[in-house]
Amino acid sequence: MLLSLVRASHPEPVVGVTVAVVGLGAALGQVGWWLVALGAAVLTGQLSVGWLNDLVDADRDARVGRGRKPVAAGEVAASAVWVAVVAAAVGTVVLSLGFGAVAGAAHILAVVVAWAYNLRLKATVFSVVPYAVSFGLLVAFVTLGLPGPYPPPWWMVATASLLGCAAHFANVLPDFDDDRATGVHGLPHRLGAAGSRVAAAVLVLAASATLVAGLPTEAVPLGVAALAVAGAVTAVGLIRGQRPRSRAAFHAMLVVAVLDVAVLIAANLPG
């Protein structure tokens, strides 16, 4: 049951987002147990989002035979997952507010917006909006929760928001037909598979370019090199992602996100 519960959380994005945010916190000067607490807050928030997603989608997943989804396959009881959602949500609130009311509110709002995607917005033309808002708020949570808090720079928020949007377009590609068959018509479904691939590529490259624009002058060459790598990773991911059920495109977005954080760490930005 424990393994099924982990699988129901959507562990890849949970781990990817948590690692990226912890890396950003480290790059900006968060240290020690506060860095651990930052990771725990983001982890619990992402777990709540992933578990809620599996619960909301269970009926649709069952109708199209997505046997890899634990709740839809009956590998774990929905009641157990609901308990996990509530526990993770409570943990998110407590851990987030430990960084102060403003920083905590930013993270709690990010999670609430992600829940709104699961509950309603994923099937609308506004499906990309929660990704843009939530990822941008994660950056605000980090900077506002530092020992010397400050509002996040515009370019950092824009980079995160663009990466989040790119991840959305890439993430839906493997389930395109199943989603349409079960009444999910988000923005990617309206653009079509080809249009979504183009959108993902443009957005992820725009994110890396925005990151370069915000770097200190001495770190720009590193950022440009990372931009080239991001382009290559994105191209490979989108090409390999054309295979049935392949999640290569989404994995490429996660790699680029971690790459961008690595650039920030190497740039040694003032915290």
C-alpha atoms as a PDB file:
ATOM      1  CA  MET A   1       0.000   0.000   0.000  1.00  0.00           C
ATOM      2  CA  LEU A   2       2.807   2.416   0.865  1.00  0.00           C
ATOM      3  CA  LEU A   3       4.392   2.048  -2.579  1.00  0.00           C
ATOM      4  CA  SER A   4       1.011   2.592  -4.240  1.00  0.00           C
ATOM      5  CA  LEU A   5       0.489   5.701  -2.123  1.00  0.00           C
ATOM      6  CA  VAL A   6       3.859   7.032  -3.244  1.00  0.00           C
ATOM      7  CA  ARG A   7       3.025   6.322  -6.887  1.00  0.00           C
ATOM      8  CA  ALA A   8      -0.337   8.077  -6.487  1.00  0.00           C
ATOM      9  CA  SER A   9       1.468  11.256  -5.454  1.00  0.00           C
ATOM     10  CA  HIS A  10       3.022  11.712  -8.936  1.00  0.00           C
ATOM     11  CA  PRO A  11       6.543  11.352  -7.505  1.00  0.00           C
ATOM     12  CA  GLU A  12       8.486  12.691 -10.499  1.00  0.00           C
ATOM     13  CA  PRO A  13       7.099  16.257 -10.413  1.00  0.00           C
ATOM     14  CA  VAL A  14       6.968  16.146  -6.610  1.00  0.00           C
ATOM     15  CA  VAL A  15      10.689  15.410  -6.392  1.00  0.00           C
ATOM     16  CA  GLY A  16      11.597  17.661  -9.324  1.00  0.00           C
ATOM     17  CA  VAL A  17       9.823  20.735  -7.957  1.00  0.00           C
ATOM     18  CA  THR A  18      11.096  20.140  -4.418  1.00  0.00           C
ATOM     19  CA  VAL A  19      14.712  19.756  -5.553  1.00  0.00           C
ATOM     20  CA  ALA A  20      14.462  22.882  -7.717  1.00  0.00           C
ATOM     21  CA  VAL A  21      13.034  25.014  -4.895  1.00  0.00           C
ATOM     22  CA  VAL A  22      15.561  23.753  -2.352  1.00  0.00           C
ATOM     23  CA  GLY A  23      18.321  24.495  -4.855  1.00  0.00           C
ATOM     24  CA  LEU A  24      16.969  27.997  -5.341  1.00  0.00           C
ATOM     25  CA  GLY A  25      16.851  28.496  -1.590  1.00  0.00           C
ATOM     26  CA  ALA A  26      20.465  27.357  -1.266  1.00  0.00           C
ATOM     27  CA  ALA A  27      21.508  29.644  -4.128  1.00  0.00           C
ATOM     28  CA  LEU A  28      19.915  32.636  -2.396  1.00  0.00           C
ATOM     29  CA  GLY A  29      21.406  31.982   1.020  1.00  0.00           C
ATOM     30  CA  GLN A  30      18.972  29.786   2.912  1.00  0.00           C
ATOM     31  CA  VAL A  31      20.936  27.371   5.107  1.00  0.00           C
ATOM     32  CA  GLY A  32      20.774  24.685   7.786  1.00  0.00           C
ATOM     33  CA  TRP A  33      17.490  23.527   9.233  1.00  0.00           C
ATOM     34  CA  TRP A  34      15.662  26.370   7.509  1.00  0.00           C
ATOM     35  CA  LEU A  35      16.663  24.862   4.171  1.00  0.00           C
ATOM     36  CA  VAL A  36      15.393  21.491   5.375  1.00  0.00           C
ATOM     37  CA  ALA A  37      12.134  23.134   6.472  1.00  0.00           C
ATOM     38  CA  LEU A  38      11.837  24.796   3.068  1.00  0.00           C
ATOM     39  CA  GLY A  39      12.158  21.435   1.370  1.00  0.00           C
ATOM     40  CA  ALA A  40       9.646  19.851   3.760  1.00  0.00           C
ATOM     41  CA  ALA A  41       7.098  22.609   3.145  1.00  0.00           C
ATOM     42  CA  VAL A  42       7.366  22.303  -0.623  1.00  0.00           C
ATOM     43  CA  LEU A  43       7.375  18.498  -0.452  1.00  0.00           C
ATOM     44  CA  THR A  44       4.170  18.343   1.569  1.00  0.00           C
ATOM     45  CA  GLY A  45       2.528  20.895  -0.697  1.00  0.00           C
ATOM     46  CA  GLN A  46       3.436  18.979  -3.836  1.00  0.00           C
ATOM     47  CA  LEU A  47       2.330  15.691  -2.272  1.00  0.00           C
ATOM     48  CA  SER A  48      -1.091  17.169  -1.514  1.00  0.00           C
ATOM     49  CA  VAL A  49      -1.413  18.352  -5.112  1.00  0.00           C
ATOM     50  CA  GLY A  50      -0.348  15.004  -6.565  1.00  0.00           C
ATOM     51  CA  TRP A  51      -2.641  12.946  -4.349  1.00  0.00           C
ATOM     52  CA  LEU A  52      -5.594  15.229  -5.011  1.00  0.00           C
ATOM     53  CA  ASN A  53      -4.950  14.901  -8.734  1.00  0.00           C
ATOM     54  CA  ASP A  54      -5.126  11.102  -8.583  1.00  0.00           C
ATOM     55  CA  LEU A  55      -8.343  11.250  -6.565  1.00  0.00           C
ATOM     56  CA  VAL A  56     -10.083  13.730  -8.858  1.00  0.00           C
ATOM     57  CA  ASP A  57      -9.014  11.839 -11.980  1.00  0.00           C
ATOM     58  CA  ALA A  58      -9.767   8.337 -10.648  1.00  0.00           C
ATOM     59  CA  ASP A  59     -13.081   7.869 -12.493  1.00  0.00           C
ATOM     60  CA  ARG A  60     -11.692   9.237 -15.759  1.00  0.00           C
ATOM     61  CA  ASP A  61      -8.552   7.120 -15.414  1.00  0.00           C
ATOM     62  CA  ALA A  62     -10.640   3.991 -14.845  1.00  0.00           C
ATOM     63  CA  ARG A  63     -12.801   4.678 -17.905  1.00  0.00           C
ATOM     64  CA  VAL A  64      -9.801   4.810 -20.234  1.00  0.00           C
ATOM     65  CA  GLY A  65      -7.934   1.957 -18.571  1.00  0.00           C
ATOM     66  CA  ARG A  66      -5.011   3.827 -17.046  1.00  0.00           C
ATOM     67  CA  GLY A  67      -3.885   0.889 -14.961  1.00  0.00           C
ATOM     68  CA  ARG A  68      -0.737   2.693 -13.863  1.00  0.00           C
ATOM     69  CA  LYS A  69      -2.813   5.045 -11.690  1.00  0.00           C
ATOM     70  CA  PRO A  70      -3.033   3.463  -8.208  1.00  0.00           C
ATOM     71  CA  VAL A  71      -6.391   4.943  -7.154  1.00  0.00           C
ATOM     72  CA  ALA A  72      -8.096   4.097 -10.450  1.00  0.00           C
ATOM     73  CA  ALA A  73      -6.601   0.588 -10.389  1.00  0.00           C
ATOM     74  CA  GLY A  74      -7.811  -0.021  -6.842  1.00  0.00           C
ATOM     75  CA  GLU A  75      -4.301  -0.501  -5.484  1.00  0.00           C
ATOM     76  CA  VAL A  76      -4.952   1.979  -2.693  1.00  0.00           C
ATOM     77  CA  ALA A  77      -8.249   3.055  -1.152  1.00  0.00           C
ATOM     78  CA  ALA A  78      -9.495   6.523  -1.988  1.00  0.00           C
ATOM     79  CA  SER A  79     -10.176   7.107   1.706  1.00  0.00           C
ATOM     80  CA  ALA A  80      -6.510   6.496   2.513  1.00  0.00           C
ATOM     81  CA  VAL A  81      -5.441   8.979  -0.133  1.00  0.00           C
ATOM     82  CA  TRP A  82      -7.886  11.572   1.208  1.00  0.00           C
ATOM     83  CA  VAL A  83      -6.307  11.182   4.643  1.00  0.00           C
ATOM     84  CA  ALA A  84      -2.896  11.685   3.032  1.00  0.00           C
ATOM     85  CA  VAL A  85      -4.119  14.827   1.241  1.00  0.00           C
ATOM     86  CA  VAL A  86      -5.428  16.355   4.461  1.00  0.00           C
ATOM     87  CA  ALA A  87      -2.291  15.434   6.423  1.00  0.00           C
ATOM     88  CA  ALA A  88      -0.034  16.883   3.724  1.00  0.00           C
ATOM     89  CA  ALA A  89      -2.136  20.047   3.535  1.00  0.00           C
ATOM     90  CA  VAL A  90      -1.932  20.578   7.301  1.00  0.00           C
ATOM     91  CA  GLY A  91       1.814  20.002   7.182  1.00  0.00           C
ATOM     92  CA  THR A  92       2.118  22.507   4.347  1.00  0.00           C
ATOM     93  CA  VAL A  93       0.311  25.223   6.290  1.00  0.00           C
ATOM     94  CA  VAL A  94       2.303  24.677   9.480  1.00  0.00           C
ATOM     95  CA  LEU A  95       5.683  24.474   7.769  1.00  0.00           C
ATOM     96  CA  SER A  96       5.002  27.403   5.434  1.00  0.00           C
ATOM     97  CA  LEU A  97       3.891  29.767   8.187  1.00  0.00           C
ATOM     98  CA  GLY A  98       7.114  28.984  10.012  1.00  0.00           C
ATOM     99  CA  PHE A  99       8.757  31.291   7.469  1.00  0.00           C
ATOM    100  CA  GLY A 100       6.485  34.180   8.402  1.00  0.00           C
ATOM    101  CA  ALA A 101       2.967  35.218   7.492  1.00  0.00           C
ATOM    102  CA  VAL A 102       3.798  36.761   4.102  1.00  0.00           C
ATOM    103  CA  ALA A 103       6.089  33.995   2.852  1.00  0.00           C
ATOM    104  CA  GLY A 104       3.741  31.361   4.240  1.00  0.00           C
ATOM    105  CA  ALA A 105       0.740  32.933   2.549  1.00  0.00           C
ATOM    106  CA  ALA A 106       2.594  32.944  -0.782  1.00  0.00           C
ATOM    107  CA  HIS A 107       3.239  29.206  -0.579  1.00  0.00           C
ATOM    108  CA  ILE A 108      -0.221  28.327   0.704  1.00  0.00           C
ATOM    109  CA  LEU A 109      -1.733  30.319  -2.163  1.00  0.00           C
ATOM    110  CA  ALA A 110       0.522  28.482  -4.626  1.00  0.00           C
ATOM    111  CA  VAL A 111      -0.841  25.157  -3.371  1.00  0.00           C
ATOM    112  CA  VAL A 112      -4.451  26.389  -3.380  1.00  0.00           C
ATOM    113  CA  VAL A 113      -4.082  27.502  -7.000  1.00  0.00           C
ATOM    114  CA  ALA A 114      -2.655  24.088  -7.903  1.00  0.00           C
ATOM    115  CA  TRP A 115      -5.649  22.465  -6.221  1.00  0.00           C
ATOM    116  CA  ALA A 116      -7.925  24.697  -8.297  1.00  0.00           C
ATOM    117  CA  TYR A 117      -6.263  23.273 -11.397  1.00  0.00           C
ATOM    118  CA  ASN A 118      -7.032  19.742 -10.256  1.00  0.00           C
ATOM    119  CA  LEU A 119     -10.609  20.496  -9.277  1.00  0.00           C
ATOM    120  CA  ARG A 120     -11.731  22.597 -12.243  1.00  0.00           C
ATOM    121  CA  LEU A 121      -9.298  24.631 -14.297  1.00  0.00           C
ATOM    122  CA  LYS A 122      -7.482  21.729 -15.998  1.00  0.00           C
ATOM    123  CA  ALA A 123     -10.516  21.218 -18.268  1.00  0.00           C
ATOM    124  CA  THR A 124     -10.754  24.862 -19.337  1.00  0.00           C
ATOM    125  CA  VAL A 125      -8.935  27.242 -21.643  1.00  0.00           C
ATOM    126  CA  PHE A 126      -7.330  28.713 -18.515  1.00  0.00           C
ATOM    127  CA  SER A 127      -5.544  25.454 -17.644  1.00  0.00           C
ATOM    128  CA  VAL A 128      -2.101  27.022 -17.997  1.00  0.00           C
ATOM    129  CA  VAL A 129      -2.814  29.870 -15.553  1.00  0.00           C
ATOM    130  CA  PRO A 130      -2.366  27.847 -12.328  1.00  0.00           C
ATOM    131  CA  TYR A 131       1.077  26.732 -13.493  1.00  0.00           C
ATOM    132  CA  ALA A 132       2.162  30.297 -14.173  1.00  0.00           C
ATOM    133  CA  VAL A 133       0.830  31.558 -10.850  1.00  0.00           C
ATOM    134  CA  SER A 134       1.952  28.670  -8.635  1.00  0.00           C
ATOM    135  CA  PHE A 135       5.493  28.461  -9.960  1.00  0.00           C
ATOM    136  CA  GLY A 136       5.929  32.212  -9.643  1.00  0.00           C
ATOM    137  CA  LEU A 137       4.648  32.096  -6.061  1.00  0.00           C
ATOM    138  CA  LEU A 138       7.169  29.385  -5.200  1.00  0.00           C
ATOM    139  CA  VAL A 139       9.934  31.874  -5.967  1.00  0.00           C
ATOM    140  CA  ALA A 140       8.213  34.455  -3.765  1.00  0.00           C
ATOM    141  CA  PHE A 141       8.032  31.887  -0.960  1.00  0.00           C
ATOM    142  CA  VAL A 142      11.786  31.392  -1.164  1.00  0.00           C
ATOM    143  CA  THR A 143      12.840  35.051  -1.213  1.00  0.00           C
ATOM    144  CA  LEU A 144      10.261  36.209   1.334  1.00  0.00           C
ATOM    145  CA  GLY A 145      11.303  33.410   3.659  1.00  0.00           C
ATOM    146  CA  LEU A 146      15.013  34.251   3.715  1.00  0.00           C
ATOM    147  CA  PRO A 147      16.722  35.598   6.863  1.00  0.00           C
ATOM    148  CA  GLY A 148      16.714  38.962   5.091  1.00  0.00           C
ATOM    149  CA  PRO A 149      13.436  38.723   3.134  1.00  0.00           C
ATOM    150  CA  TYR A 150      12.826  40.672  -0.053  1.00  0.00           C
ATOM    151  CA  PRO A 151      10.335  40.591  -2.948  1.00  0.00           C
ATOM    152  CA  PRO A 152      11.480  38.257  -5.728  1.00  0.00           C
ATOM    153  CA  PRO A 153      13.122  39.851  -8.788  1.00  0.00           C
ATOM    154  CA  TRP A 154      10.808  40.011 -11.779  1.00  0.00           C
ATOM    155  CA  TRP A 155      13.075  37.910 -13.953  1.00  0.00           C
ATOM    156  CA  MET A 156      13.204  35.103 -11.392  1.00  0.00           C
ATOM    157  CA  VAL A 157       9.421  34.995 -11.134  1.00  0.00           C
ATOM    158  CA  ALA A 158       9.091  35.122 -14.922  1.00  0.00           C
ATOM    159  CA  THR A 159      11.592  32.286 -15.362  1.00  0.00           C
ATOM    160  CA  ALA A 160       9.702  30.064 -12.917  1.00  0.00           C
ATOM    161  CA  SER A 161       6.310  30.914 -14.418  1.00  0.00           C
ATOM    162  CA  LEU A 162       7.483  30.194 -17.955  1.00  0.00           C
ATOM    163  CA  LEU A 163       8.977  26.867 -16.846  1.00  0.00           C
ATOM    164  CA  GLY A 164       5.707  25.963 -15.157  1.00  0.00           C
ATOM    165  CA  CYS A 165       3.740  26.744 -18.316  1.00  0.00           C
ATOM    166  CA  ALA A 166       6.159  24.701 -20.421  1.00  0.00           C
ATOM    167  CA  ALA A 167       5.767  21.771 -18.035  1.00  0.00           C
ATOM    168  CA  HIS A 168       1.985  21.945 -18.420  1.00  0.00           C
ATOM    169  CA  PHE A 169       2.096  21.664 -22.192  1.00  0.00           C
ATOM    170  CA  ALA A 170       4.640  18.841 -22.046  1.00  0.00           C
ATOM    171  CA  ASN A 171       2.885  16.950 -19.264  1.00  0.00           C
ATOM    172  CA  VAL A 172      -0.414  16.477 -21.083  1.00  0.00           C
ATOM    173  CA  LEU A 173       1.081  15.099 -24.308  1.00  0.00           C
ATOM    174  CA  PRO A 174       1.123  11.382 -23.329  1.00  0.00           C
ATOM    175  CA  ASP A 175      -2.566  11.462 -22.300  1.00  0.00           C
ATOM    176  CA  PHE A 176      -3.916  13.695 -25.040  1.00  0.00           C
ATOM    177  CA  ASP A 177      -6.468  11.301 -26.534  1.00  0.00           C
ATOM    178  CA  ASP A 178      -7.567   9.874 -23.180  1.00  0.00           C
ATOM    179  CA  ASP A 179      -8.136  13.363 -21.784  1.00  0.00           C
ATOM    180  CA  ARG A 180     -10.276  14.380 -24.733  1.00  0.00           C
ATOM    181  CA  ALA A 181     -12.300  11.177 -24.470  1.00  0.00           C
ATOM    182  CA  THR A 182     -13.124  11.954 -20.843  1.00  0.00           C
ATOM    183  CA  GLY A 183     -14.059  15.594 -21.335  1.00  0.00           C
ATOM    184  CA  VAL A 184     -10.805  17.337 -20.462  1.00  0.00           C
ATOM    185  CA  HIS A 185     -10.284  20.189 -22.916  1.00  0.00           C
ATOM    186  CA  GLY A 186      -7.557  22.368 -21.468  1.00  0.00           C
ATOM    187  CA  LEU A 187      -5.547  24.868 -23.465  1.00  0.00           C
ATOM    188  CA  PRO A 188      -3.071  22.236 -24.774  1.00  0.00           C
ATOM    189  CA  HIS A 189      -5.932  20.088 -26.065  1.00  0.00           C
ATOM    190  CA  ARG A 190      -7.337  23.075 -27.916  1.00  0.00           C
ATOM    191  CA  LEU A 191      -3.963  23.799 -29.525  1.00  0.00           C
ATOM    192  CA  GLY A 192      -3.416  20.155 -30.471  1.00  0.00           C
ATOM    193  CA  ALA A 193      -0.382  17.936 -29.946  1.00  0.00           C
ATOM    194  CA  ALA A 194       1.804  19.736 -32.478  1.00  0.00           C
ATOM    195  CA  GLY A 195       0.860  23.150 -31.145  1.00  0.00           C
ATOM    196  CA  SER A 196       1.546  22.026 -27.578  1.00  0.00           C
ATOM    197  CA  ARG A 197       5.018  20.792 -28.519  1.00  0.00           C
ATOM    198  CA  VAL A 198       5.792  24.151 -30.075  1.00  0.00           C
ATOM    199  CA  ALA A 199       4.396  25.972 -27.029  1.00  0.00           C
ATOM    200  CA  ALA A 200       6.477  23.859 -24.651  1.00  0.00           C
ATOM    201  CA  ALA A 201       9.647  24.480 -26.656  1.00  0.00           C
ATOM    202  CA  VAL A 202       9.091  28.234 -26.941  1.00  0.00           C
ATOM    203  CA  LEU A 203       8.211  28.594 -23.260  1.00  0.00           C
ATOM    204  CA  VAL A 204      11.142  26.605 -21.906  1.00  0.00           C
ATOM    205  CA  LEU A 205      13.622  28.476 -24.076  1.00  0.00           C
ATOM    206  CA  ALA A 206      12.006  31.778 -23.104  1.00  0.00           C
ATOM    207  CA  ALA A 207      12.456  30.783 -19.455  1.00  0.00           C
ATOM    208  CA  SER A 208      16.169  30.126 -19.902  1.00  0.00           C
ATOM    209  CA  ALA A 209      16.602  33.345 -21.899  1.00  0.00           C
ATOM    210  CA  THR A 210      14.836  35.309 -19.152  1.00  0.00           C
ATOM    211  CA  LEU A 211      17.171  33.756 -16.612  1.00  0.00           C
ATOM    212  CA  VAL A 212      20.178  34.910 -18.642  1.00  0.00           C
ATOM    213  CA  ALA A 213      18.735  38.436 -18.763  1.00  0.00           C
ATOM    214  CA  GLY A 214      18.668  38.609 -14.986  1.00  0.00           C
ATOM    215  CA  LEU A 215      22.129  37.205 -14.274  1.00  0.00           C
ATOM    216  CA  PRO A 216      25.076  39.374 -13.214  1.00  0.00           C
ATOM    217  CA  THR A 217      27.317  40.307 -16.128  1.00  0.00           C
ATOM    218  CA  GLU A 218      30.081  37.912 -15.117  1.00  0.00           C
ATOM    219  CA  ALA A 219      27.617  34.984 -15.088  1.00  0.00           C
ATOM    220  CA  VAL A 220      26.067  35.667 -18.501  1.00  0.00           C
ATOM    221  CA  PRO A 221      28.455  33.338 -20.427  1.00  0.00           C
ATOM    222  CA  LEU A 222      27.446  30.505 -18.106  1.00  0.00           C
ATOM    223  CA  GLY A 223      23.804  31.348 -18.656  1.00  0.00           C
ATOM    224  CA  VAL A 224      24.213  31.379 -22.428  1.00  0.00           C
ATOM    225  CA  ALA A 225      25.891  27.968 -22.305  1.00  0.00           C
ATOM    226  CA  ALA A 226      23.028  26.675 -20.160  1.00  0.00           C
ATOM    227  CA  LEU A 227      20.547  28.112 -22.671  1.00  0.00           C
ATOM    228  CA  ALA A 228      22.203  26.085 -25.430  1.00  0.00           C
ATOM    229  CA  VAL A 229      22.039  22.941 -23.296  1.00  0.00           C
ATOM    230  CA  ALA A 230      18.405  23.666 -22.475  1.00  0.00           C
ATOM    231  CA  GLY A 231      17.646  23.894 -26.184  1.00  0.00           C
ATOM    232  CA  ALA A 232      19.301  20.543 -26.846  1.00  0.00           C
ATOM    233  CA  VAL A 233      17.560  18.844 -23.922  1.00  0.00           C
ATOM    234  CA  THR A 234      14.204  20.251 -25.001  1.00  0.00           C
ATOM    235  CA  ALA A 235      14.683  19.105 -28.595  1.00  0.00           C
ATOM    236  CA  VAL A 236      15.606  15.575 -27.540  1.00  0.00           C
ATOM    237  CA  GLY A 237      12.707  15.435 -25.095  1.00  0.00           C
ATOM    238  CA  LEU A 238      10.147  16.589 -27.655  1.00  0.00           C
ATOM    239  CA  ILE A 239      11.413  14.204 -30.312  1.00  0.00           C
ATOM    240  CA  ARG A 240      11.452  11.212 -27.977  1.00  0.00           C
ATOM    241  CA  GLY A 241       8.159  12.350 -26.541  1.00  0.00           C
ATOM    242  CA  GLN A 242       6.375  11.623 -29.816  1.00  0.00           C
ATOM    243  CA  ARG A 243       6.382   7.921 -28.950  1.00  0.00           C
ATOM    244  CA  PRO A 244       3.093   6.616 -27.516  1.00  0.00           C
ATOM    245  CA  ARG A 245       2.739   7.301 -23.771  1.00  0.00           C
ATOM    246  CA  SER A 246       6.265   8.716 -23.586  1.00  0.00           C
ATOM    247  CA  ARG A 247       6.874  11.263 -20.843  1.00  0.00           C
ATOM    248  CA  ALA A 248      10.233  12.289 -22.284  1.00  0.00           C
ATOM    249  CA  ALA A 249       9.056  15.830 -23.041  1.00  0.00           C
ATOM    250  CA  PHE A 250       7.965  16.382 -19.442  1.00  0.00           C
ATOM    251  CA  HIS A 251      11.197  14.873 -18.127  1.00  0.00           C
ATOM    252  CA  ALA A 252      13.099  17.321 -20.327  1.00  0.00           C
ATOM    253  CA  MET A 253      11.252  20.230 -18.677  1.00  0.00           C
ATOM    254  CA  LEU A 254      12.292  18.946 -15.238  1.00  0.00           C
ATOM    255  CA  VAL A 255      15.914  18.671 -16.386  1.00  0.00           C
ATOM    256  CA  VAL A 256      15.877  22.247 -17.675  1.00  0.00           C
ATOM    257  CA  ALA A 257      14.377  23.485 -14.395  1.00  0.00           C
ATOM    258  CA  VAL A 258      17.158  21.833 -12.394  1.00  0.00           C
ATOM    259  CA  LEU A 259      19.712  23.166 -14.893  1.00  0.00           C
ATOM    260  CA  ASP A 260      18.446  26.718 -14.422  1.00  0.00           C
ATOM    261  CA  VAL A 261      18.690  26.375 -10.647  1.00  0.00           C
ATOM    262  CA  ALA A 262      22.241  25.052 -11.032  1.00  0.00           C
ATOM    263  CA  VAL A 263      23.095  28.190 -13.004  1.00  0.00           C
ATOM    264  CA  LEU A 264      21.736  30.334 -10.170  1.00  0.00           C
ATOM    265  CA  ILE A 265      23.835  28.429  -7.647  1.00  0.00           C
ATOM    266  CA  ALA A 266      26.966  28.792  -9.784  1.00  0.00           C
ATOM    267  CA  ALA A 267      26.249  32.500 -10.319  1.00  0.00           C
ATOM    268  CA  ASN A 268      26.550  33.020  -6.553  1.00  0.00           C
ATOM    269  CA  LEU A 269      23.744  35.561  -6.389  1.00  0.00           C
ATOM    270  CA  PRO A 270      23.541  37.770  -3.298  1.00  0.00           C
ATOM    271  CA  GLY A 271      20.901  36.506  -0.882  1.00  0.00           C
END
